[in-house]
Amino acid sequence: HIVLQLKREAGQLTGFLSAIPLDTRTEQSSITKQFPRQNG
């Protein structure tokens, strides 16, 4: 999925161009999993 998003700011167009795969199984990284968290 390729996305261009634009807005006008200070007389110029500014924005982002991004690419995201459609069928990727997501999984938390080891850092995210191991980061300390209080219960809840």
PDB file of all heavy atoms in Angstrom:
ATOM      1  N   HIS A   1       0.860  -1.175   0.000  1.00  0.00           N
ATOM      2  CA  HIS A   1       0.000   0.000   0.000  1.00  0.00           C
ATOM      3  C   HIS A   1       0.900   1.228   0.000  1.00  0.00           C
ATOM      4  O   HIS A   1       1.649   1.468   0.952  1.00  0.00           O
ATOM      5  CB  HIS A   1      -0.880  -0.014   1.253  1.00  0.00           C
ATOM      6  CG  HIS A   1      -1.947   1.032   1.241  1.00  0.00           C
ATOM      7  ND1 HIS A   1      -2.460   1.598   2.392  1.00  0.00           N
ATOM      8  CD2 HIS A   1      -2.618   1.622   0.221  1.00  0.00           C
ATOM      9  CE1 HIS A   1      -3.378   2.490   2.073  1.00  0.00           C
ATOM     10  NE2 HIS A   1      -3.495   2.515   0.770  1.00  0.00           N
ATOM     11  N   ILE A   2       0.852   2.008  -1.071  1.00  0.00           N
ATOM     12  CA  ILE A   2       1.668   3.213  -1.211  1.00  0.00           C
ATOM     13  C   ILE A   2       0.762   4.417  -0.990  1.00  0.00           C
ATOM     14  O   ILE A   2      -0.294   4.528  -1.631  1.00  0.00           O
ATOM     15  CB  ILE A   2       2.321   3.310  -2.607  1.00  0.00           C
ATOM     16  CG1 ILE A   2       2.954   1.970  -3.002  1.00  0.00           C
ATOM     17  CG2 ILE A   2       3.342   4.432  -2.634  1.00  0.00           C
ATOM     18  CD1 ILE A   2       4.022   1.476  -2.072  1.00  0.00           C
ATOM     19  N   VAL A   3       1.156   5.312  -0.089  1.00  0.00           N
ATOM     20  CA  VAL A   3       0.313   6.450   0.271  1.00  0.00           C
ATOM     21  C   VAL A   3       1.120   7.743   0.180  1.00  0.00           C
ATOM     22  O   VAL A   3       2.224   7.841   0.730  1.00  0.00           O
ATOM     23  CB  VAL A   3      -0.260   6.307   1.692  1.00  0.00           C
ATOM     24  CG1 VAL A   3      -1.107   7.530   2.048  1.00  0.00           C
ATOM     25  CG2 VAL A   3      -1.084   5.037   1.818  1.00  0.00           C
ATOM     26  N   LEU A   4       0.536   8.721  -0.499  1.00  0.00           N
ATOM     27  CA  LEU A   4       1.060  10.087  -0.514  1.00  0.00           C
ATOM     28  C   LEU A   4       0.087  10.948   0.256  1.00  0.00           C
ATOM     29  O   LEU A   4      -1.115  10.929  -0.027  1.00  0.00           O
ATOM     30  CB  LEU A   4       1.191  10.586  -1.955  1.00  0.00           C
ATOM     31  CG  LEU A   4       1.559  12.071  -2.137  1.00  0.00           C
ATOM     32  CD1 LEU A   4       2.990  12.334  -1.688  1.00  0.00           C
ATOM     33  CD2 LEU A   4       1.364  12.482  -3.599  1.00  0.00           C
ATOM     34  N   GLN A   5       0.571  11.705   1.248  1.00  0.00           N
ATOM     35  CA  GLN A   5      -0.315  12.632   1.962  1.00  0.00           C
ATOM     36  C   GLN A   5       0.310  14.017   1.926  1.00  0.00           C
ATOM     37  O   GLN A   5       1.503  14.195   2.157  1.00  0.00           O
ATOM     38  CB  GLN A   5      -0.571  12.175   3.394  1.00  0.00           C
ATOM     39  CG  GLN A   5       0.630  12.093   4.305  1.00  0.00           C
ATOM     40  CD  GLN A   5       0.240  11.587   5.687  1.00  0.00           C
ATOM     41  OE1 GLN A   5       0.142  10.384   5.905  1.00  0.00           O
ATOM     42  NE2 GLN A   5       0.033  12.509   6.620  1.00  0.00           N
ATOM     43  N   LEU A   6      -0.517  15.009   1.593  1.00  0.00           N
ATOM     44  CA  LEU A   6      -0.036  16.360   1.335  1.00  0.00           C
ATOM     45  C   LEU A   6      -0.876  17.401   2.065  1.00  0.00           C
ATOM     46  O   LEU A   6      -2.077  17.232   2.260  1.00  0.00           O
ATOM     47  CB  LEU A   6      -0.113  16.672  -0.168  1.00  0.00           C
ATOM     48  CG  LEU A   6       0.691  15.816  -1.144  1.00  0.00           C
ATOM     49  CD1 LEU A   6       0.263  16.149  -2.563  1.00  0.00           C
ATOM     50  CD2 LEU A   6       2.182  16.043  -0.946  1.00  0.00           C
ATOM     51  N   LYS A   7      -0.235  18.490   2.427  1.00  0.00           N
ATOM     52  CA  LYS A   7      -0.949  19.684   2.864  1.00  0.00           C
ATOM     53  C   LYS A   7      -0.078  20.883   2.507  1.00  0.00           C
ATOM     54  O   LYS A   7       1.133  20.753   2.303  1.00  0.00           O
ATOM     55  CB  LYS A   7      -1.235  19.654   4.370  1.00  0.00           C
ATOM     56  CG  LYS A   7      -0.005  19.757   5.263  1.00  0.00           C
ATOM     57  CD  LYS A   7      -0.418  19.797   6.725  1.00  0.00           C
ATOM     58  CE  LYS A   7       0.804  19.905   7.631  1.00  0.00           C
ATOM     59  NZ  LYS A   7       0.423  19.984   9.066  1.00  0.00           N
ATOM     60  N   ARG A   8      -0.700  22.047   2.408  1.00  0.00           N
ATOM     61  CA  ARG A   8       0.050  23.265   2.090  1.00  0.00           C
ATOM     62  C   ARG A   8       0.444  23.940   3.389  1.00  0.00           C
ATOM     63  O   ARG A   8      -0.357  24.124   4.295  1.00  0.00           O
ATOM     64  CB  ARG A   8      -0.776  24.207   1.214  1.00  0.00           C
ATOM     65  CG  ARG A   8       0.020  25.429   0.728  1.00  0.00           C
ATOM     66  CD  ARG A   8      -0.602  26.028  -0.514  1.00  0.00           C
ATOM     67  NE  ARG A   8      -0.521  25.174  -1.669  1.00  0.00           N
ATOM     68  CZ  ARG A   8       0.575  25.023  -2.415  1.00  0.00           C
ATOM     69  NH1 ARG A   8       1.679  25.674  -2.104  1.00  0.00           N
ATOM     70  NH2 ARG A   8       0.567  24.228  -3.460  1.00  0.00           N
ATOM     71  N   GLU A   9       1.708  24.318   3.465  1.00  0.00           N
ATOM     72  CA  GLU A   9       2.253  24.913   4.685  1.00  0.00           C
ATOM     73  C   GLU A   9       3.325  25.925   4.301  1.00  0.00           C
ATOM     74  O   GLU A   9       4.284  25.579   3.609  1.00  0.00           O
ATOM     75  CB  GLU A   9       2.856  23.807   5.560  1.00  0.00           C
ATOM     76  CG  GLU A   9       3.157  24.204   6.980  1.00  0.00           C
ATOM     77  CD  GLU A   9       3.546  22.990   7.814  1.00  0.00           C
ATOM     78  OE1 GLU A   9       4.715  22.558   7.691  1.00  0.00           O
ATOM     79  OE2 GLU A   9       2.698  22.477   8.555  1.00  0.00           O
ATOM     80  N   ALA A  10       3.158  27.168   4.727  1.00  0.00           N
ATOM     81  CA  ALA A  10       4.132  28.236   4.435  1.00  0.00           C
ATOM     82  C   ALA A  10       4.421  28.348   2.948  1.00  0.00           C
ATOM     83  O   ALA A  10       5.571  28.505   2.524  1.00  0.00           O
ATOM     84  CB  ALA A  10       5.430  27.984   5.210  1.00  0.00           C
ATOM     85  N   GLY A  11       3.364  28.269   2.123  1.00  0.00           N
ATOM     86  CA  GLY A  11       3.515  28.477   0.688  1.00  0.00           C
ATOM     87  C   GLY A  11       4.043  27.292  -0.083  1.00  0.00           C
ATOM     88  O   GLY A  11       4.240  27.380  -1.299  1.00  0.00           O
ATOM     89  N   GLN A  12       4.305  26.153   0.604  1.00  0.00           N
ATOM     90  CA  GLN A  12       4.800  24.956  -0.065  1.00  0.00           C
ATOM     91  C   GLN A  12       3.928  23.762   0.278  1.00  0.00           C
ATOM     92  O   GLN A  12       3.212  23.754   1.273  1.00  0.00           O
ATOM     93  CB  GLN A  12       6.239  24.641   0.376  1.00  0.00           C
ATOM     94  CG  GLN A  12       7.305  25.416  -0.367  1.00  0.00           C
ATOM     95  CD  GLN A  12       8.655  24.722  -0.243  1.00  0.00           C
ATOM     96  OE1 GLN A  12       8.957  24.111   0.782  1.00  0.00           O
ATOM     97  NE2 GLN A  12       9.470  24.809  -1.278  1.00  0.00           N
ATOM     98  N   LEU A  13       4.005  22.760  -0.582  1.00  0.00           N
ATOM     99  CA  LEU A  13       3.396  21.481  -0.243  1.00  0.00           C
ATOM    100  C   LEU A  13       4.355  20.702   0.639  1.00  0.00           C
ATOM    101  O   LEU A  13       5.559  20.632   0.363  1.00  0.00           O
ATOM    102  CB  LEU A  13       3.096  20.671  -1.506  1.00  0.00           C
ATOM    103  CG  LEU A  13       1.948  21.145  -2.386  1.00  0.00           C
ATOM    104  CD1 LEU A  13       1.870  20.283  -3.640  1.00  0.00           C
ATOM    105  CD2 LEU A  13       0.623  21.111  -1.636  1.00  0.00           C
ATOM    106  N   THR A  14       3.839  20.145   1.702  1.00  0.00           N
ATOM    107  CA  THR A  14       4.655  19.301   2.570  1.00  0.00           C
ATOM    108  C   THR A  14       3.868  18.035   2.859  1.00  0.00           C
ATOM    109  O   THR A  14       2.639  18.035   2.827  1.00  0.00           O
ATOM    110  CB  THR A  14       5.019  20.026   3.880  1.00  0.00           C
ATOM    111  OG1 THR A  14       5.886  19.198   4.669  1.00  0.00           O
ATOM    112  CG2 THR A  14       3.788  20.362   4.694  1.00  0.00           C
ATOM    113  N   GLY A  15       4.572  16.957   3.123  1.00  0.00           N
ATOM    114  CA  GLY A  15       3.854  15.722   3.388  1.00  0.00           C
ATOM    115  C   GLY A  15       4.776  14.529   3.477  1.00  0.00           C
ATOM    116  O   GLY A  15       5.976  14.662   3.736  1.00  0.00           O
ATOM    117  N   PHE A  16       4.186  13.343   3.251  1.00  0.00           N
ATOM    118  CA  PHE A  16       4.921  12.091   3.409  1.00  0.00           C
ATOM    119  C   PHE A  16       4.536  11.125   2.294  1.00  0.00           C
ATOM    120  O   PHE A  16       3.419  11.151   1.786  1.00  0.00           O
ATOM    121  CB  PHE A  16       4.604  11.436   4.757  1.00  0.00           C
ATOM    122  CG  PHE A  16       4.953  12.285   5.941  1.00  0.00           C
ATOM    123  CD1 PHE A  16       3.998  13.107   6.523  1.00  0.00           C
ATOM    124  CD2 PHE A  16       6.232  12.274   6.483  1.00  0.00           C
ATOM    125  CE1 PHE A  16       4.304  13.898   7.611  1.00  0.00           C
ATOM    126  CE2 PHE A  16       6.553  13.064   7.571  1.00  0.00           C
ATOM    127  CZ  PHE A  16       5.590  13.876   8.142  1.00  0.00           C
ATOM    128  N   LEU A  17       5.473  10.273   1.954  1.00  0.00           N
ATOM    129  CA  LEU A  17       5.250   9.174   1.033  1.00  0.00           C
ATOM    130  C   LEU A  17       5.636   7.901   1.775  1.00  0.00           C
ATOM    131  O   LEU A  17       6.742   7.806   2.310  1.00  0.00           O
ATOM    132  CB  LEU A  17       6.110   9.352  -0.223  1.00  0.00           C
ATOM    133  CG  LEU A  17       5.933   8.351  -1.360  1.00  0.00           C
ATOM    134  CD1 LEU A  17       4.526   8.447  -1.954  1.00  0.00           C
ATOM    135  CD2 LEU A  17       6.981   8.612  -2.450  1.00  0.00           C
ATOM    136  N   SER A  18       4.720   6.936   1.842  1.00  0.00           N
ATOM    137  CA  SER A  18       4.981   5.741   2.642  1.00  0.00           C
ATOM    138  C   SER A  18       4.628   4.474   1.874  1.00  0.00           C
ATOM    139  O   SER A  18       3.810   4.493   0.956  1.00  0.00           O
ATOM    140  CB  SER A  18       4.180   5.779   3.950  1.00  0.00           C
ATOM    141  OG  SER A  18       2.786   5.750   3.693  1.00  0.00           O
ATOM    142  N   ALA A  19       5.272   3.382   2.284  1.00  0.00           N
ATOM    143  CA  ALA A  19       4.999   2.067   1.706  1.00  0.00           C
ATOM    144  C   ALA A  19       4.837   1.070   2.841  1.00  0.00           C
ATOM    145  O   ALA A  19       5.677   1.007   3.749  1.00  0.00           O
ATOM    146  CB  ALA A  19       6.128   1.636   0.780  1.00  0.00           C
ATOM    147  N   ILE A  20       3.737   0.284   2.796  1.00  0.00           N
ATOM    148  CA  ILE A  20       3.440  -0.705   3.831  1.00  0.00           C
ATOM    149  C   ILE A  20       2.995  -1.990   3.135  1.00  0.00           C
ATOM    150  O   ILE A  20       2.119  -1.949   2.269  1.00  0.00           O
ATOM    151  CB  ILE A  20       2.301  -0.218   4.754  1.00  0.00           C
ATOM    152  CG1 ILE A  20       2.654   1.129   5.392  1.00  0.00           C
ATOM    153  CG2 ILE A  20       2.002  -1.252   5.841  1.00  0.00           C
ATOM    154  CD1 ILE A  20       1.505   1.764   6.160  1.00  0.00           C
ATOM    155  N   PRO A  21       3.579  -3.140   3.485  1.00  0.00           N
ATOM    156  CA  PRO A  21       3.134  -4.398   2.872  1.00  0.00           C
ATOM    157  C   PRO A  21       1.736  -4.772   3.343  1.00  0.00           C
ATOM    158  O   PRO A  21       1.360  -4.488   4.484  1.00  0.00           O
ATOM    159  CB  PRO A  21       4.176  -5.415   3.355  1.00  0.00           C
ATOM    160  CG  PRO A  21       4.702  -4.838   4.623  1.00  0.00           C
ATOM    161  CD  PRO A  21       4.666  -3.348   4.452  1.00  0.00           C
ATOM    162  N   LEU A  22       0.972  -5.408   2.477  1.00  0.00           N
ATOM    163  CA  LEU A  22      -0.415  -5.716   2.801  1.00  0.00           C
ATOM    164  C   LEU A  22      -0.577  -6.966   3.648  1.00  0.00           C
ATOM    165  O   LEU A  22      -1.456  -7.063   4.472  1.00  0.00           O
ATOM    166  CB  LEU A  22      -1.230  -5.894   1.502  1.00  0.00           C
ATOM    167  CG  LEU A  22      -1.414  -4.633   0.672  1.00  0.00           C
ATOM    168  CD1 LEU A  22      -2.195  -4.968  -0.584  1.00  0.00           C
ATOM    169  CD2 LEU A  22      -2.149  -3.564   1.481  1.00  0.00           C
ATOM    170  N   ASP A  23       0.263  -7.924   3.439  1.00  0.00           N
ATOM    171  CA  ASP A  23       0.010  -9.183   4.129  1.00  0.00           C
ATOM    172  C   ASP A  23       1.232  -9.614   4.946  1.00  0.00           C
ATOM    173  O   ASP A  23       1.818 -10.648   4.704  1.00  0.00           O
ATOM    174  CB  ASP A  23      -0.440 -10.243   3.104  1.00  0.00           C
ATOM    175  CG  ASP A  23       0.654 -11.095   2.637  1.00  0.00           C
ATOM    176  OD1 ASP A  23       1.707 -10.823   3.093  1.00  0.00           O
ATOM    177  OD2 ASP A  23       0.475 -12.028   1.859  1.00  0.00           O
ATOM    178  N   THR A  24       1.608  -8.799   5.936  1.00  0.00           N
ATOM    179  CA  THR A  24       2.703  -9.129   6.843  1.00  0.00           C
ATOM    180  C   THR A  24       2.141  -9.419   8.231  1.00  0.00           C
ATOM    181  O   THR A  24       1.389  -8.623   8.774  1.00  0.00           O
ATOM    182  CB  THR A  24       3.711  -7.952   6.947  1.00  0.00           C
ATOM    183  OG1 THR A  24       4.256  -7.709   5.653  1.00  0.00           O
ATOM    184  CG2 THR A  24       4.834  -8.276   7.910  1.00  0.00           C
ATOM    185  N   ARG A  25       2.520 -10.568   8.776  1.00  0.00           N
ATOM    186  CA  ARG A  25       2.061 -10.920  10.127  1.00  0.00           C
ATOM    187  C   ARG A  25       2.863 -10.114  11.133  1.00  0.00           C
ATOM    188  O   ARG A  25       4.081 -10.159  11.154  1.00  0.00           O
ATOM    189  CB  ARG A  25       2.258 -12.419  10.371  1.00  0.00           C
ATOM    190  CG  ARG A  25       1.681 -12.907  11.680  1.00  0.00           C
ATOM    191  CD  ARG A  25       1.642 -14.419  11.674  1.00  0.00           C
ATOM    192  NE  ARG A  25       2.957 -14.978  11.432  1.00  0.00           N
ATOM    193  CZ  ARG A  25       3.829 -15.261  12.403  1.00  0.00           C
ATOM    194  NH1 ARG A  25       3.522 -15.014  13.653  1.00  0.00           N
ATOM    195  NH2 ARG A  25       4.987 -15.799  12.115  1.00  0.00           N
ATOM    196  N   THR A  26       2.190  -9.345  11.976  1.00  0.00           N
ATOM    197  CA  THR A  26       2.885  -8.485  12.925  1.00  0.00           C
ATOM    198  C   THR A  26       3.297  -9.270  14.171  1.00  0.00           C
ATOM    199  O   THR A  26       2.626 -10.214  14.576  1.00  0.00           O
ATOM    200  CB  THR A  26       2.006  -7.300  13.345  1.00  0.00           C
ATOM    201  OG1 THR A  26       0.854  -7.795  14.005  1.00  0.00           O
ATOM    202  CG2 THR A  26       1.603  -6.468  12.135  1.00  0.00           C
ATOM    203  N   GLU A  27       4.410  -8.855  14.751  1.00  0.00           N
ATOM    204  CA  GLU A  27       4.916  -9.496  15.957  1.00  0.00           C
ATOM    205  C   GLU A  27       5.735  -8.483  16.739  1.00  0.00           C
ATOM    206  O   GLU A  27       6.527  -7.737  16.168  1.00  0.00           O
ATOM    207  CB  GLU A  27       5.787 -10.705  15.590  1.00  0.00           C
ATOM    208  CG  GLU A  27       6.294 -11.470  16.791  1.00  0.00           C
ATOM    209  CD  GLU A  27       7.137 -12.669  16.388  1.00  0.00           C
ATOM    210  OE1 GLU A  27       7.023 -13.105  15.223  1.00  0.00           O
ATOM    211  OE2 GLU A  27       7.901 -13.151  17.232  1.00  0.00           O
ATOM    212  N   GLN A  28       5.549  -8.447  18.053  1.00  0.00           N
ATOM    213  CA  GLN A  28       6.302  -7.520  18.880  1.00  0.00           C
ATOM    214  C   GLN A  28       7.770  -7.917  18.925  1.00  0.00           C
ATOM    215  O   GLN A  28       8.114  -9.094  18.947  1.00  0.00           O
ATOM    216  CB  GLN A  28       5.742  -7.488  20.305  1.00  0.00           C
ATOM    217  CG  GLN A  28       4.386  -6.851  20.435  1.00  0.00           C
ATOM    218  CD  GLN A  28       3.936  -6.766  21.882  1.00  0.00           C
ATOM    219  OE1 GLN A  28       4.603  -7.255  22.785  1.00  0.00           O
ATOM    220  NE2 GLN A  28       2.794  -6.139  22.104  1.00  0.00           N
ATOM    221  N   SER A  29       8.650  -6.911  18.980  1.00  0.00           N
ATOM    222  CA  SER A  29      10.076  -7.170  19.097  1.00  0.00           C
ATOM    223  C   SER A  29      10.409  -7.634  20.512  1.00  0.00           C
ATOM    224  O   SER A  29       9.611  -7.503  21.444  1.00  0.00           O
ATOM    225  CB  SER A  29      10.861  -5.890  18.784  1.00  0.00           C
ATOM    226  OG  SER A  29      10.662  -4.943  19.820  1.00  0.00           O
ATOM    227  N   SER A  30      11.619  -8.163  20.679  1.00  0.00           N
ATOM    228  CA  SER A  30      12.041  -8.636  22.001  1.00  0.00           C
ATOM    229  C   SER A  30      12.104  -7.479  22.996  1.00  0.00           C
ATOM    230  O   SER A  30      11.772  -7.648  24.173  1.00  0.00           O
ATOM    231  CB  SER A  30      13.400  -9.324  21.902  1.00  0.00           C
ATOM    232  OG  SER A  30      14.383  -8.438  21.384  1.00  0.00           O
ATOM    233  N   ILE A  31      12.520  -6.290  22.549  1.00  0.00           N
ATOM    234  CA  ILE A  31      12.577  -5.133  23.455  1.00  0.00           C
ATOM    235  C   ILE A  31      11.170  -4.785  23.932  1.00  0.00           C
ATOM    236  O   ILE A  31      10.934  -4.544  25.117  1.00  0.00           O
ATOM    237  CB  ILE A  31      13.248  -3.931  22.766  1.00  0.00           C
ATOM    238  CG1 ILE A  31      14.751  -4.186  22.609  1.00  0.00           C
ATOM    239  CG2 ILE A  31      13.010  -2.645  23.564  1.00  0.00           C
ATOM    240  CD1 ILE A  31      15.487  -3.089  21.880  1.00  0.00           C
ATOM    241  N   THR A  32      10.213  -4.750  23.000  1.00  0.00           N
ATOM    242  CA  THR A  32       8.831  -4.431  23.375  1.00  0.00           C
ATOM    243  C   THR A  32       8.284  -5.461  24.355  1.00  0.00           C
ATOM    244  O   THR A  32       7.623  -5.114  25.337  1.00  0.00           O
ATOM    245  CB  THR A  32       7.943  -4.372  22.124  1.00  0.00           C
ATOM    246  OG1 THR A  32       8.456  -3.369  21.229  1.00  0.00           O
ATOM    247  CG2 THR A  32       6.515  -4.015  22.483  1.00  0.00           C
ATOM    248  N   LYS A  33       8.569  -6.725  24.103  1.00  0.00           N
ATOM    249  CA  LYS A  33       8.072  -7.782  24.978  1.00  0.00           C
ATOM    250  C   LYS A  33       8.697  -7.707  26.375  1.00  0.00           C
ATOM    251  O   LYS A  33       8.044  -7.968  27.387  1.00  0.00           O
ATOM    252  CB  LYS A  33       8.360  -9.148  24.362  1.00  0.00           C
ATOM    253  CG  LYS A  33       7.539  -9.473  23.130  1.00  0.00           C
ATOM    254  CD  LYS A  33       7.956 -10.829  22.578  1.00  0.00           C
ATOM    255  CE  LYS A  33       7.162 -11.192  21.334  1.00  0.00           C
ATOM    256  NZ  LYS A  33       7.606 -12.497  20.769  1.00  0.00           N
ATOM    257  N   GLN A  34      10.001  -7.364  26.441  1.00  0.00           N
ATOM    258  CA  GLN A  34      10.736  -7.436  27.704  1.00  0.00           C
ATOM    259  C   GLN A  34      10.733  -6.134  28.497  1.00  0.00           C
ATOM    260  O   GLN A  34      11.181  -6.113  29.642  1.00  0.00           O
ATOM    261  CB  GLN A  34      12.182  -7.859  27.425  1.00  0.00           C
ATOM    262  CG  GLN A  34      12.305  -9.249  26.837  1.00  0.00           C
ATOM    263  CD  GLN A  34      13.691  -9.548  26.300  1.00  0.00           C
ATOM    264  OE1 GLN A  34      14.646  -8.835  26.570  1.00  0.00           O
ATOM    265  NE2 GLN A  34      13.795 -10.621  25.521  1.00  0.00           N
ATOM    266  N   PHE A  35      10.211  -5.067  27.905  1.00  0.00           N
ATOM    267  CA  PHE A  35      10.217  -3.796  28.619  1.00  0.00           C
ATOM    268  C   PHE A  35       9.347  -3.914  29.872  1.00  0.00           C
ATOM    269  O   PHE A  35       8.214  -4.390  29.803  1.00  0.00           O
ATOM    270  CB  PHE A  35       9.697  -2.677  27.719  1.00  0.00           C
ATOM    271  CG  PHE A  35       9.929  -1.309  28.291  1.00  0.00           C
ATOM    272  CD1 PHE A  35      11.153  -0.679  28.147  1.00  0.00           C
ATOM    273  CD2 PHE A  35       8.922  -0.650  28.994  1.00  0.00           C
ATOM    274  CE1 PHE A  35      11.381   0.576  28.675  1.00  0.00           C
ATOM    275  CE2 PHE A  35       9.141   0.602  29.529  1.00  0.00           C
ATOM    276  CZ  PHE A  35      10.380   1.224  29.376  1.00  0.00           C
ATOM    277  N   PRO A  36       9.853  -3.494  31.036  1.00  0.00           N
ATOM    278  CA  PRO A  36       9.089  -3.656  32.284  1.00  0.00           C
ATOM    279  C   PRO A  36       7.751  -2.923  32.230  1.00  0.00           C
ATOM    280  O   PRO A  36       7.656  -1.807  31.717  1.00  0.00           O
ATOM    281  CB  PRO A  36      10.016  -3.035  33.344  1.00  0.00           C
ATOM    282  CG  PRO A  36      11.370  -3.064  32.743  1.00  0.00           C
ATOM    283  CD  PRO A  36      11.175  -2.888  31.269  1.00  0.00           C
ATOM    284  N   ARG A  37       6.721  -3.563  32.767  1.00  0.00           N
ATOM    285  CA  ARG A  37       5.391  -2.948  32.817  1.00  0.00           C
ATOM    286  C   ARG A  37       4.738  -3.287  34.158  1.00  0.00           C
ATOM    287  O   ARG A  37       4.814  -4.418  34.624  1.00  0.00           O
ATOM    288  CB  ARG A  37       4.486  -3.469  31.708  1.00  0.00           C
ATOM    289  CG  ARG A  37       5.036  -3.303  30.309  1.00  0.00           C
ATOM    290  CD  ARG A  37       4.019  -3.778  29.275  1.00  0.00           C
ATOM    291  NE  ARG A  37       4.653  -4.084  28.013  1.00  0.00           N
ATOM    292  CZ  ARG A  37       4.015  -4.492  26.929  1.00  0.00           C
ATOM    293  NH1 ARG A  37       2.691  -4.635  26.975  1.00  0.00           N
ATOM    294  NH2 ARG A  37       4.656  -4.774  25.814  1.00  0.00           N
ATOM    295  N   GLN A  38       4.088  -2.307  34.735  1.00  0.00           N
ATOM    296  CA  GLN A  38       3.276  -2.581  35.913  1.00  0.00           C
ATOM    297  C   GLN A  38       2.033  -3.365  35.496  1.00  0.00           C
ATOM    298  O   GLN A  38       1.564  -3.253  34.358  1.00  0.00           O
ATOM    299  CB  GLN A  38       2.877  -1.259  36.583  1.00  0.00           C
ATOM    300  CG  GLN A  38       4.056  -0.505  37.198  1.00  0.00           C
ATOM    301  CD  GLN A  38       3.735   0.946  37.470  1.00  0.00           C
ATOM    302  OE1 GLN A  38       3.789   1.767  36.560  1.00  0.00           O
ATOM    303  NE2 GLN A  38       3.394   1.258  38.717  1.00  0.00           N
ATOM    304  N   ASN A  39       1.509  -4.143  36.423  1.00  0.00           N
ATOM    305  CA  ASN A  39       0.321  -4.946  36.125  1.00  0.00           C
ATOM    306  C   ASN A  39      -0.805  -4.067  35.588  1.00  0.00           C
ATOM    307  O   ASN A  39      -1.104  -3.009  36.140  1.00  0.00           O
ATOM    308  CB  ASN A  39      -0.160  -5.674  37.386  1.00  0.00           C
ATOM    309  CG  ASN A  39       0.781  -6.785  37.808  1.00  0.00           C
ATOM    310  OD1 ASN A  39       1.528  -7.317  36.978  1.00  0.00           O
ATOM    311  ND2 ASN A  39       0.766  -7.135  39.079  1.00  0.00           N
ATOM    312  N   GLY A  40      -1.390  -4.503  34.483  1.00  0.00           N
ATOM    313  CA  GLY A  40      -2.505  -3.766  33.905  1.00  0.00           C
ATOM    314  C   GLY A  40      -2.093  -2.678  32.930  1.00  0.00           C
ATOM    315  O   GLY A  40      -2.962  -2.020  32.340  1.00  0.00           O
TER     316      GLY A  40
END
